[in-house]
Structures are given as structure tokens and as C-alpha cells.
């Protein structure tokens, strides 16, 4: 087996795992689906499913990565090749083993396609973020010149600007990923994630000062289960898989760098809990600042 590096520290792993999950799914999509599905009742449903489905699936992906010490495609191919030993040791029926080994490499390749699709629109939106960040920094010097609506309009009407910003984002990703794991994304995540978390806490503090805070807290934490329906379950499961990066193969890749003495259940539990907390913090940031059509905060 080819020698594979290890995580420099547990903190480096947690920062990378949360960094994979932390993003638009938490800050953008989660408040939207909460508003669409009844507020506090949906949050309780989401947390319940995080324990019932999310944590076991995260642990499962971690086990695949730690056991094989490979990325998702190579890991699934390895499982398919070694099916006799693996499934016999775990008393799995031959028919079940055959189905699993036949489809697991296909599913692994589909996860790579999914990652590519997500990268295409994440890169564009990351370009937008960079553009707004530059305009925001300029706004410190001349606040009257910072006009968010005009900035967004410029982006929409200038395709080449979006191409350039997207290219800058992809170039940064390539440079970081091309480096050694410990010197590349582990170090960068170790720098960036504490900054993001600090900003998130600061934004929650600032949002708590607006007039709508009391009403939005009531909306978010006093559940009205009559607002839930069958589609709410699908929205919660979809949100859970998206924010925890389940099915993307990233958790398998991260776990392939685990040390032999790493305890998988506790790692999966902590990642899922931290991700859920970030989702709730994101809702605390967004809801007091926005008046959402169709949402009654009373």
C-alpha cells in the first residue's frame, strides 16, 4: 500500500471537516429552508435527523476512509476487489455482497461528478464574494461609494468579470490543493475557519441588537408542528446531506488521513454537532436582518 500522510493534529482535521461542510449550505440555504418549513419545528426536525441519519452516515464514510486509506473511488474499488474477505468477516450474505460491490464503484464515480457540479457554481459565487469583499474594503475609505445593489448589477451584466473572478478562485484552490496536505489545505483551514467562526459569532451579536430579534427568536425556537408536512422531511434530509457533505466523498478522503488510534464514532459525532450549531447560528444571523415574505414572526 502506498504511504499516506496523516493529520498533523485533531484540530486540523476538525477544521478541514467543518470547512468542507461550512458554507452556502449553512449560511444561505439553511435559513431559506427554515423559513419555508415553519421555523422552530423544522430546526427540531433537522437536529433529530442529524442524530438519527447524519451521524451514522458520517461515521460510515469515516470508516471507509480510515480502513482503506484511500480516496472515495480507490476506496470503493478496493472494497469491490476484496469483497470475499471483507464480507465474509462481517457475515454478510453473498447476494448482498454482490450487489454492493457491483454498484459501489459507480456510486463513487457519481460522487466525483457531484463534486464537480458543486464546484462549478461554488466557484462563481466565491467570485462574487471576492468582488463584494473588495468593494466593501474600498467602502471603508469612502462609504458613500459602496452600493451593494449596483455592485450586484455590475456582476450580472459583466460575464467576463465573473469569468475572471471564478478563475482566480479556481487558481487559489489549485495552489492550495497542490501543496502537501499538512502545508496545504490543513494549514489554510486552520487559519481560515477560526476567522469565519469568529465573524459568525460577531454577526450573531450584531443581529441581536435589531428590533426584530425577539420575534425571530420566538419564531426559531418555539416550534409550531402544524407547519410541518411530508416535504419538510425531504427538505431536512437534503439539507443535512448537503451541509455535512454526505455523498461527496470528501469525508472519505479526510478519514483516509486518520491515525490508527483515531476513534471514529466520537469524530463523526463532533463533526455533525458542530455543523448543526453553525446552521443554527446562521439562522440567528439572517432572520433578524430580513423580512421574509410569507413568514409570520408573531
Protein backbone atom coordinates (compact mmCIF):
# COMPACT_ATOMS: atom_id res chain seq x y z
CA UNK A 1 0.00 0.00 0.00
CA UNK A 2 1.30 3.48 -0.87
CA UNK A 3 2.40 5.51 2.13
CA UNK A 4 -0.15 8.15 3.00
CA UNK A 5 0.28 11.19 5.22
CA UNK A 6 -1.59 11.75 8.46
CA UNK A 7 -3.34 14.69 10.01
CA UNK A 8 -0.90 16.90 11.87
CA UNK A 9 -3.41 17.32 14.70
CA UNK A 10 -7.02 16.56 15.60
CA UNK A 11 -7.79 20.28 15.39
CA UNK A 12 -6.53 20.32 11.80
CA UNK A 13 -8.91 17.50 10.90
CA UNK A 14 -11.91 19.15 12.56
CA UNK A 15 -11.18 22.47 10.87
CA UNK A 16 -10.97 20.73 7.48
CA UNK A 17 -14.12 18.65 8.03
CA UNK A 18 -16.15 21.63 9.24
CA UNK A 19 -14.66 23.74 6.45
CA UNK A 20 -15.97 21.21 3.94
CA UNK A 21 -19.44 21.35 5.47
CA UNK A 22 -19.45 25.03 6.42
CA UNK A 23 -20.52 27.27 3.56
CA UNK A 24 -23.51 28.17 1.46
CA UNK A 25 -25.45 25.20 2.77
CA UNK A 26 -25.29 26.65 6.28
CA UNK A 27 -25.35 30.39 5.68
CA UNK A 28 -27.58 30.61 2.65
CA UNK A 29 -29.72 27.52 2.19
CA UNK A 30 -30.45 26.62 5.81
CA UNK A 31 -32.24 29.90 6.71
CA UNK A 32 -34.21 29.61 3.47
CA UNK A 33 -35.48 26.08 4.15
CA UNK A 34 -36.23 27.01 7.76
CA UNK A 35 -38.44 29.86 6.51
CA UNK A 36 -40.09 27.53 4.02
CA UNK A 37 -40.87 24.87 6.62
CA UNK A 38 -42.16 26.54 9.74
CA UNK A 39 -39.19 27.83 11.72
CA UNK A 40 -38.57 26.16 15.08
CA UNK A 41 -40.39 22.94 14.19
CA UNK A 42 -38.09 22.42 11.21
CA UNK A 43 -34.99 23.13 13.32
CA UNK A 44 -36.05 20.43 15.80
CA UNK A 45 -36.69 18.03 12.92
CA UNK A 46 -33.28 18.84 11.46
CA UNK A 47 -31.48 18.20 14.77
CA UNK A 48 -33.43 14.96 15.25
CA UNK A 49 -32.41 13.73 11.78
CA UNK A 50 -28.82 14.81 12.39
CA UNK A 51 -28.70 12.27 15.24
CA UNK A 52 -30.80 9.62 13.50
CA UNK A 53 -29.25 9.77 10.00
CA UNK A 54 -26.43 12.30 9.82
CA UNK A 55 -24.11 10.95 12.50
CA UNK A 56 -24.32 7.28 11.33
CA UNK A 57 -23.63 8.28 7.71
CA UNK A 58 -20.68 10.47 8.68
CA UNK A 59 -19.27 7.62 10.76
CA UNK A 60 -19.79 5.25 7.82
CA UNK A 61 -17.84 7.47 5.45
CA UNK A 62 -15.11 7.92 8.05
CA UNK A 63 -14.84 4.13 8.44
CA UNK A 64 -14.43 3.63 4.68
CA UNK A 65 -11.67 6.22 4.53
CA UNK A 66 -9.81 5.07 7.62
CA UNK A 67 -9.99 1.38 6.68
CA UNK A 68 -8.83 1.74 3.08
CA UNK A 69 -6.53 4.79 3.45
CA UNK A 70 -7.71 5.91 0.01
CA UNK A 71 -9.93 8.44 -1.70
CA UNK A 72 -13.54 7.55 -2.44
CA UNK A 73 -13.08 5.98 -5.92
CA UNK A 74 -9.98 3.99 -4.98
CA UNK A 75 -11.61 3.01 -1.68
CA UNK A 76 -14.73 1.63 -3.35
CA UNK A 77 -12.68 -0.20 -5.96
CA UNK A 78 -10.59 -1.70 -3.17
CA UNK A 79 -13.73 -2.86 -1.34
CA UNK A 80 -15.07 -4.42 -4.55
CA UNK A 81 -11.79 -6.26 -5.17
CA UNK A 82 -11.50 -7.53 -1.60
CA UNK A 83 -15.18 -8.38 -1.22
CA UNK A 84 -14.57 -12.01 -0.24
CA UNK A 85 -12.51 -11.19 2.83
CA UNK A 86 -14.46 -8.09 3.88
CA UNK A 87 -17.96 -9.52 3.62
CA UNK A 88 -17.12 -12.97 4.98
CA UNK A 89 -15.57 -11.41 8.07
CA UNK A 90 -18.76 -9.44 8.69
CA UNK A 91 -21.19 -12.32 7.93
CA UNK A 92 -22.80 -10.50 5.01
CA UNK A 93 -24.82 -12.64 2.58
CA UNK A 94 -23.29 -13.33 -0.82
CA UNK A 95 -26.19 -11.77 -2.75
CA UNK A 96 -25.99 -8.55 -0.73
CA UNK A 97 -22.23 -8.50 -1.15
CA UNK A 98 -22.56 -8.91 -4.92
CA UNK A 99 -24.99 -6.01 -5.24
CA UNK A 100 -22.83 -3.80 -3.01
CA UNK A 101 -19.61 -4.49 -4.86
CA UNK A 102 -21.26 -4.06 -8.27
CA UNK A 103 -22.67 -0.60 -7.57
CA UNK A 104 -20.17 0.87 -5.09
CA UNK A 105 -17.58 1.90 -7.75
CA UNK A 106 -20.36 3.51 -9.82
CA UNK A 107 -21.64 5.43 -6.80
CA UNK A 108 -18.09 6.57 -6.04
CA UNK A 109 -17.68 7.97 -9.55
CA UNK A 110 -21.06 9.67 -9.29
CA UNK A 111 -19.83 11.40 -6.12
CA UNK A 112 -16.95 12.87 -8.11
CA UNK A 113 -19.39 14.16 -10.73
CA UNK A 114 -21.43 15.68 -7.90
CA UNK A 115 -18.32 17.40 -6.55
CA UNK A 116 -17.59 18.81 -10.00
CA UNK A 117 -21.12 20.17 -10.34
CA UNK A 118 -20.95 21.79 -6.91
CA UNK A 119 -17.55 23.26 -7.74
CA UNK A 120 -18.92 24.93 -10.86
CA UNK A 121 -21.43 27.11 -9.04
CA UNK A 122 -19.46 27.47 -5.80
CA UNK A 123 -16.60 28.95 -7.84
CA UNK A 124 -18.90 31.53 -9.40
CA UNK A 125 -20.42 32.53 -6.07
CA UNK A 126 -16.97 32.63 -4.45
CA UNK A 127 -16.00 35.05 -7.20
CA UNK A 128 -18.98 37.22 -6.25
CA UNK A 129 -17.86 37.12 -2.61
CA UNK A 130 -14.35 38.26 -3.58
CA UNK A 131 -15.80 41.12 -5.62
CA UNK A 132 -18.08 42.24 -2.78
CA UNK A 133 -15.18 41.93 -0.34
CA UNK A 134 -13.03 44.22 -2.46
CA UNK A 135 -15.89 46.72 -2.76
CA UNK A 136 -16.50 46.52 0.98
CA UNK A 137 -12.84 47.22 1.77
CA UNK A 138 -12.91 50.20 -0.59
CA UNK A 139 -16.08 51.29 1.19
CA UNK A 140 -14.11 51.75 4.41
CA UNK A 141 -12.27 54.61 2.72
CA UNK A 142 -15.35 56.09 1.04
CA UNK A 143 -18.56 54.55 2.46
CA UNK A 144 -20.78 56.61 0.17
CA UNK A 145 -19.34 54.80 -2.87
CA UNK A 146 -20.26 51.31 -1.62
CA UNK A 147 -23.61 50.41 -3.18
CA UNK A 148 -24.40 46.65 -2.90
CA UNK A 149 -27.28 46.76 -5.41
CA UNK A 150 -25.11 48.47 -8.03
CA UNK A 151 -22.27 46.02 -7.35
CA UNK A 152 -24.55 43.02 -7.94
CA UNK A 153 -25.90 44.62 -11.11
CA UNK A 154 -22.36 45.08 -12.42
CA UNK A 155 -21.65 41.39 -11.81
CA UNK A 156 -24.84 40.30 -13.59
CA UNK A 157 -24.10 42.44 -16.65
CA UNK A 158 -20.39 41.62 -16.96
CA UNK A 159 -19.79 37.99 -17.90
CA UNK A 160 -16.04 38.44 -18.36
CA UNK A 161 -15.69 39.88 -14.86
CA UNK A 162 -17.39 36.75 -13.48
CA UNK A 163 -15.11 34.52 -15.57
CA UNK A 164 -12.05 36.34 -14.22
CA UNK A 165 -13.22 36.14 -10.60
CA UNK A 166 -14.11 32.45 -10.97
CA UNK A 167 -10.68 31.77 -12.47
CA UNK A 168 -8.97 33.49 -9.55
CA UNK A 169 -10.92 31.30 -7.12
CA UNK A 170 -10.03 28.10 -9.00
CA UNK A 171 -6.37 29.13 -9.20
CA UNK A 172 -6.28 29.64 -5.43
CA UNK A 173 -7.86 26.20 -4.90
CA UNK A 174 -5.35 24.53 -7.23
CA UNK A 175 -2.39 26.15 -5.47
CA UNK A 176 -3.61 25.07 -2.02
CA UNK A 177 -4.57 21.52 -3.01
CA UNK A 178 -1.32 21.01 -4.97
CA UNK A 179 0.71 21.53 -1.83
CA UNK A 180 1.43 18.82 0.71
CA UNK A 181 -1.68 18.06 2.78
CA UNK A 182 -0.28 19.45 6.02
CA UNK A 183 1.21 22.52 4.34
CA UNK A 184 -1.79 22.95 2.04
CA UNK A 185 -5.43 22.70 3.00
CA UNK A 186 -4.82 21.65 6.62
CA UNK A 187 -2.82 24.80 7.32
CA UNK A 188 -5.21 27.04 5.36
CA UNK A 189 -8.26 25.60 7.10
CA UNK A 190 -6.51 26.05 10.43
CA UNK A 191 -6.11 29.75 9.62
CA UNK A 192 -9.44 30.47 7.95
CA UNK A 193 -12.01 28.52 9.96
CA UNK A 194 -11.33 30.29 13.30
CA UNK A 195 -11.70 33.60 11.43
CA UNK A 196 -15.02 32.50 9.90
CA UNK A 197 -16.31 31.25 13.23
CA UNK A 198 -15.26 34.47 14.93
CA UNK A 199 -17.05 36.51 12.27
CA UNK A 200 -20.14 34.35 12.68
CA UNK A 201 -20.24 34.94 16.44
CA UNK A 202 -19.73 38.68 15.86
CA UNK A 203 -22.59 38.76 13.33
CA UNK A 204 -24.88 36.94 15.77
CA UNK A 205 -24.04 39.58 18.37
CA UNK A 206 -24.76 42.40 15.91
CA UNK A 207 -28.02 40.80 14.74
CA UNK A 208 -29.19 40.54 18.34
CA UNK A 209 -29.31 44.34 18.53
CA UNK A 210 -32.01 44.87 15.89
CA UNK A 211 -35.68 45.37 16.74
CA UNK A 212 -36.86 42.09 15.19
CA UNK A 213 -34.65 39.89 17.37
CA UNK A 214 -37.23 38.94 20.00
CA UNK A 215 -39.84 37.99 17.39
CA UNK A 216 -37.36 35.99 15.31
CA UNK A 217 -36.07 34.10 18.36
CA UNK A 218 -39.63 33.14 19.14
CA UNK A 219 -40.13 32.01 15.53
CA UNK A 220 -36.92 29.95 15.56
CA UNK A 221 -37.23 28.30 18.98
CA UNK A 222 -40.97 27.99 19.66
CA UNK A 223 -41.97 25.15 17.34
CA UNK A 224 -45.31 25.04 15.58
CA UNK A 225 -45.51 21.44 14.36
CA UNK A 226 -48.66 22.16 12.36
CA UNK A 227 -46.43 23.89 9.80
CA UNK A 228 -44.51 20.70 9.05
CA UNK A 229 -45.57 18.43 6.21
CA UNK A 230 -44.18 15.45 4.33
CA UNK A 231 -41.99 17.65 2.12
CA UNK A 232 -40.37 19.07 5.27
CA UNK A 233 -38.77 15.66 5.90
CA UNK A 234 -37.30 15.62 2.41
CA UNK A 235 -36.04 19.20 2.80
CA UNK A 236 -34.43 18.34 6.16
CA UNK A 237 -32.70 15.21 4.82
CA UNK A 238 -31.50 17.06 1.72
CA UNK A 239 -30.20 19.94 3.83
CA UNK A 240 -28.48 17.50 6.18
CA UNK A 241 -26.68 15.65 3.38
CA UNK A 242 -25.66 18.93 1.74
CA UNK A 243 -24.26 20.65 4.82
CA UNK A 244 -22.45 17.53 6.06
CA UNK A 245 -21.01 16.84 2.57
CA UNK A 246 -22.51 13.34 2.64
CA UNK A 247 -22.16 11.52 -0.66
CA UNK A 248 -19.48 13.90 -1.94
CA UNK A 249 -16.60 11.62 -0.97
CA UNK A 250 -14.82 14.40 0.93
CA UNK A 251 -15.37 12.77 4.33
CA UNK A 252 -13.93 9.52 2.98
CA UNK A 253 -10.86 11.41 1.77
CA UNK A 254 -10.43 13.23 5.09
CA UNK A 255 -10.71 9.99 7.07
CA UNK A 256 -8.07 8.34 4.89
CA UNK A 257 -5.52 10.50 6.74
CA UNK A 258 -6.67 9.33 10.19
CA UNK A 259 -4.18 7.80 12.57
CA UNK A 260 -4.75 4.17 13.51
CA UNK A 261 -5.82 5.09 17.04
CA UNK A 262 -8.48 7.59 15.89
CA UNK A 263 -11.88 6.90 17.43
CA UNK A 264 -14.36 7.21 14.57
CA UNK A 265 -17.70 7.48 16.46
CA UNK A 266 -16.61 10.49 18.51
CA UNK A 267 -15.18 12.20 15.42
CA UNK A 268 -18.43 11.73 13.49
CA UNK A 269 -20.49 12.93 16.45
CA UNK A 270 -18.44 16.11 16.88
CA UNK A 271 -18.48 17.00 13.19
CA UNK A 272 -22.26 16.60 12.95
CA UNK A 273 -22.89 18.57 16.16
CA UNK A 274 -20.59 21.44 15.16
CA UNK A 275 -22.20 21.64 11.74
CA UNK A 276 -25.69 21.77 13.27
CA UNK A 277 -24.60 24.53 15.63
CA UNK A 278 -23.25 26.56 12.71
CA UNK A 279 -26.58 26.16 10.89
CA UNK A 280 -28.47 27.50 13.90
CA UNK A 281 -26.01 30.39 14.30
CA UNK A 282 -26.55 31.21 10.61
CA UNK A 283 -30.30 31.40 11.22
CA UNK A 284 -29.68 33.71 14.17
CA UNK A 285 -27.67 35.98 11.87
CA UNK A 286 -30.06 36.05 8.92
CA UNK A 287 -33.58 36.15 10.36
CA UNK A 288 -33.35 39.33 12.47
CA UNK A 289 -31.98 41.21 9.43
CA UNK A 290 -34.60 40.20 6.88
CA UNK A 291 -38.33 40.45 6.46
CA UNK A 292 -39.20 37.28 4.56
CA UNK A 293 -42.39 37.15 2.52
CA UNK A 294 -44.88 34.68 3.95
CA UNK A 295 -43.14 34.36 7.32
CA UNK A 296 -45.07 35.44 10.38
CA UNK A 297 -42.71 36.25 13.25
CA UNK A 298 -45.54 36.93 15.64
